[in-house]
Structure formats: C-alpha cells, structure tokens
C-alpha atoms as a PDB file:
ATOM      1  CA  UNK A   1      15.800 -35.794  24.374  1.00  0.00           C
ATOM      2  CA  UNK A   2      12.849 -34.415  26.253  1.00  0.00           C
ATOM      3  CA  UNK A   3      10.006 -32.614  24.495  1.00  0.00           C
ATOM      4  CA  UNK A   4       9.353 -28.999  25.362  1.00  0.00           C
ATOM      5  CA  UNK A   5       5.841 -28.005  24.421  1.00  0.00           C
ATOM      6  CA  UNK A   6       4.238 -25.077  26.220  1.00  0.00           C
ATOM      7  CA  UNK A   7       0.665 -25.382  27.417  1.00  0.00           C
ATOM      8  CA  UNK A   8       0.415 -21.935  29.001  1.00  0.00           C
ATOM      9  CA  UNK A   9       1.627 -18.532  27.818  1.00  0.00           C
ATOM     10  CA  UNK A  10       3.544 -18.073  31.106  1.00  0.00           C
ATOM     11  CA  UNK A  11       5.626 -21.191  30.319  1.00  0.00           C
ATOM     12  CA  UNK A  12       6.548 -19.791  26.911  1.00  0.00           C
ATOM     13  CA  UNK A  13       7.388 -16.393  28.399  1.00  0.00           C
ATOM     14  CA  UNK A  14       9.549 -18.015  31.081  1.00  0.00           C
ATOM     15  CA  UNK A  15      11.537 -19.746  28.349  1.00  0.00           C
ATOM     16  CA  UNK A  16      11.899 -16.415  26.525  1.00  0.00           C
ATOM     17  CA  UNK A  17      13.211 -14.847  29.771  1.00  0.00           C
ATOM     18  CA  UNK A  18      15.748 -17.676  30.159  1.00  0.00           C
ATOM     19  CA  UNK A  19      16.855 -17.238  26.559  1.00  0.00           C
ATOM     20  CA  UNK A  20      17.366 -13.501  27.022  1.00  0.00           C
ATOM     21  CA  UNK A  21      19.665 -14.355  29.943  1.00  0.00           C
ATOM     22  CA  UNK A  22      21.519 -16.983  27.878  1.00  0.00           C
ATOM     23  CA  UNK A  23      21.960 -14.487  25.028  1.00  0.00           C
ATOM     24  CA  UNK A  24      23.364 -11.949  27.503  1.00  0.00           C
ATOM     25  CA  UNK A  25      25.786 -14.581  28.841  1.00  0.00           C
ATOM     26  CA  UNK A  26      26.882 -15.496  25.311  1.00  0.00           C
ATOM     27  CA  UNK A  27      25.691 -19.115  25.491  1.00  0.00           C
ATOM     28  CA  UNK A  28      23.483 -18.662  22.420  1.00  0.00           C
ATOM     29  CA  UNK A  29      23.509 -16.325  19.434  1.00  0.00           C
ATOM     30  CA  UNK A  30      20.217 -15.394  17.769  1.00  0.00           C
ATOM     31  CA  UNK A  31      20.312 -16.266  14.062  1.00  0.00           C
ATOM     32  CA  UNK A  32      16.815 -15.158  13.039  1.00  0.00           C
ATOM     33  CA  UNK A  33      13.676 -13.730  14.597  1.00  0.00           C
ATOM     34  CA  UNK A  34      10.250 -12.470  13.595  1.00  0.00           C
ATOM     35  CA  UNK A  35      10.473  -9.901  16.410  1.00  0.00           C
ATOM     36  CA  UNK A  36      12.818  -8.998  19.276  1.00  0.00           C
ATOM     37  CA  UNK A  37      12.418 -11.363  22.239  1.00  0.00           C
ATOM     38  CA  UNK A  38      11.632  -8.368  24.463  1.00  0.00           C
ATOM     39  CA  UNK A  39       8.535  -7.631  22.339  1.00  0.00           C
ATOM     40  CA  UNK A  40       6.944 -10.831  23.670  1.00  0.00           C
ATOM     41  CA  UNK A  41       6.477  -9.039  26.996  1.00  0.00           C
ATOM     42  CA  UNK A  42       4.546  -6.097  25.554  1.00  0.00           C
ATOM     43  CA  UNK A  43       0.774  -5.851  26.207  1.00  0.00           C
ATOM     44  CA  UNK A  44       0.161  -6.313  22.456  1.00  0.00           C
ATOM     45  CA  UNK A  45       1.490  -9.625  21.046  1.00  0.00           C
ATOM     46  CA  UNK A  46       3.756  -8.990  18.007  1.00  0.00           C
ATOM     47  CA  UNK A  47       1.694 -11.212  15.647  1.00  0.00           C
ATOM     48  CA  UNK A  48       0.032 -14.610  15.206  1.00  0.00           C
ATOM     49  CA  UNK A  49       3.420 -16.315  14.891  1.00  0.00           C
ATOM     50  CA  UNK A  50       6.618 -15.645  16.805  1.00  0.00           C
ATOM     51  CA  UNK A  51       9.740 -17.542  15.759  1.00  0.00           C
ATOM     52  CA  UNK A  52      13.246 -17.177  17.136  1.00  0.00           C
ATOM     53  CA  UNK A  53      16.255 -19.188  15.958  1.00  0.00           C
ATOM     54  CA  UNK A  54      19.317 -19.708  18.117  1.00  0.00           C
ATOM     55  CA  UNK A  55      22.683 -21.353  17.757  1.00  0.00           C
ATOM     56  CA  UNK A  56      24.660 -22.702  20.697  1.00  0.00           C
ATOM     57  CA  UNK A  57      28.135 -21.172  20.740  1.00  0.00           C
ATOM     58  CA  UNK A  58      29.570 -24.272  22.424  1.00  0.00           C
ATOM     59  CA  UNK A  59      28.218 -27.140  20.310  1.00  0.00           C
ATOM     60  CA  UNK A  60      26.958 -25.337  17.199  1.00  0.00           C
ATOM     61  CA  UNK A  61      23.483 -26.886  17.357  1.00  0.00           C
ATOM     62  CA  UNK A  62      20.504 -24.827  16.236  1.00  0.00           C
ATOM     63  CA  UNK A  63      17.276 -24.399  18.192  1.00  0.00           C
ATOM     64  CA  UNK A  64      13.927 -22.780  17.618  1.00  0.00           C
ATOM     65  CA  UNK A  65      11.520 -21.086  20.011  1.00  0.00           C
ATOM     66  CA  UNK A  66       8.166 -21.036  18.243  1.00  0.00           C
ATOM     67  CA  UNK A  67       4.639 -19.870  19.065  1.00  0.00           C
ATOM     68  CA  UNK A  68       1.503 -19.878  16.928  1.00  0.00           C
ATOM     69  CA  UNK A  69      -1.190 -18.009  18.837  1.00  0.00           C
ATOM     70  CA  UNK A  70      -3.814 -18.584  16.130  1.00  0.00           C
ATOM     71  CA  UNK A  71      -3.547 -22.382  16.436  1.00  0.00           C
ATOM     72  CA  UNK A  72      -2.574 -22.358  20.114  1.00  0.00           C
ATOM     73  CA  UNK A  73       0.780 -24.144  20.100  1.00  0.00           C
ATOM     74  CA  UNK A  74       4.295 -23.304  21.179  1.00  0.00           C
ATOM     75  CA  UNK A  75       7.566 -25.243  21.531  1.00  0.00           C
ATOM     76  CA  UNK A  76      11.337 -25.237  21.932  1.00  0.00           C
ATOM     77  CA  UNK A  77      12.990 -27.519  19.363  1.00  0.00           C
ATOM     78  CA  UNK A  78      16.386 -28.741  18.259  1.00  0.00           C
ATOM     79  CA  UNK A  79      16.434 -28.187  14.483  1.00  0.00           C
ATOM     80  CA  UNK A  80      18.398 -29.302  11.454  1.00  0.00           C
ATOM     81  CA  UNK A  81      18.246 -27.104   8.385  1.00  0.00           C
ATOM     82  CA  UNK A  82      15.410 -24.599   8.143  1.00  0.00           C
ATOM     83  CA  UNK A  83      12.395 -26.766   8.927  1.00  0.00           C
ATOM     84  CA  UNK A  84      13.397 -30.317   9.813  1.00  0.00           C
ATOM     85  CA  UNK A  85      13.045 -30.942  13.547  1.00  0.00           C
ATOM     86  CA  UNK A  86      14.988 -33.868  14.950  1.00  0.00           C
ATOM     87  CA  UNK A  87      14.236 -33.601  18.647  1.00  0.00           C
ATOM     88  CA  UNK A  88      13.473 -31.306  21.506  1.00  0.00           C
ATOM     89  CA  UNK A  89      15.400 -30.204  24.545  1.00  0.00           C
ATOM     90  CA  UNK A  90      14.539 -28.592  27.839  1.00  0.00           C
ATOM     91  CA  UNK A  91      16.469 -25.722  29.317  1.00  0.00           C
ATOM     92  CA  UNK A  92      16.950 -26.027  33.063  1.00  0.00           C
ATOM     93  CA  UNK A  93      14.245 -24.312  35.061  1.00  0.00           C
ATOM     94  CA  UNK A  94      15.339 -21.338  37.092  1.00  0.00           C
END
C-alpha cells in the first residue's frame, strides 16, 4: 500500500474535500471525529490536533485522517484497533 503523508495544508484539505464527497456518496461512514470535517475550512483551525475516523461500507476497513499542527504532520492511514496502523492508502486524486 502507498503511504499518504501530507506536506502542505492544501494537500490535507483536498483529502478532506474528497472525504466529504465520499461520505455524501455513502462510500464511508464517519465513526469518530474531533471536529466536523467542514470546520477544517474555517479561517480558525479547530485545534492543534484534528482526527477523523472512517469505515468503508464495502470492505469494513477503518481509516484515519490525522493532522497535528503543533508538530507539523498529517496523514491518511489504514488502521486496526484504536491506534495500531498497519499501512496507508491513497484515495484517487480528483
């Protein structure tokens, strides 16, 4: 599986936009979040850490969109359990 780390805020926000579309289409269901995805597009960032958990309705796998603005890292990960990451995937670019 291909790693999906974000080096620029615009890359992270593009992934968030794609995920909003996928949620609207019913591909994913959000299972937990530190804030609504839409809040990521506000002028004021919702906090130092933004974490959104998703589950694929088709295969049942769980994924995490994560950003830590204090430490400057962000990623999209395939997850097992609450904190064990086993790989990363890339959503198709639009």
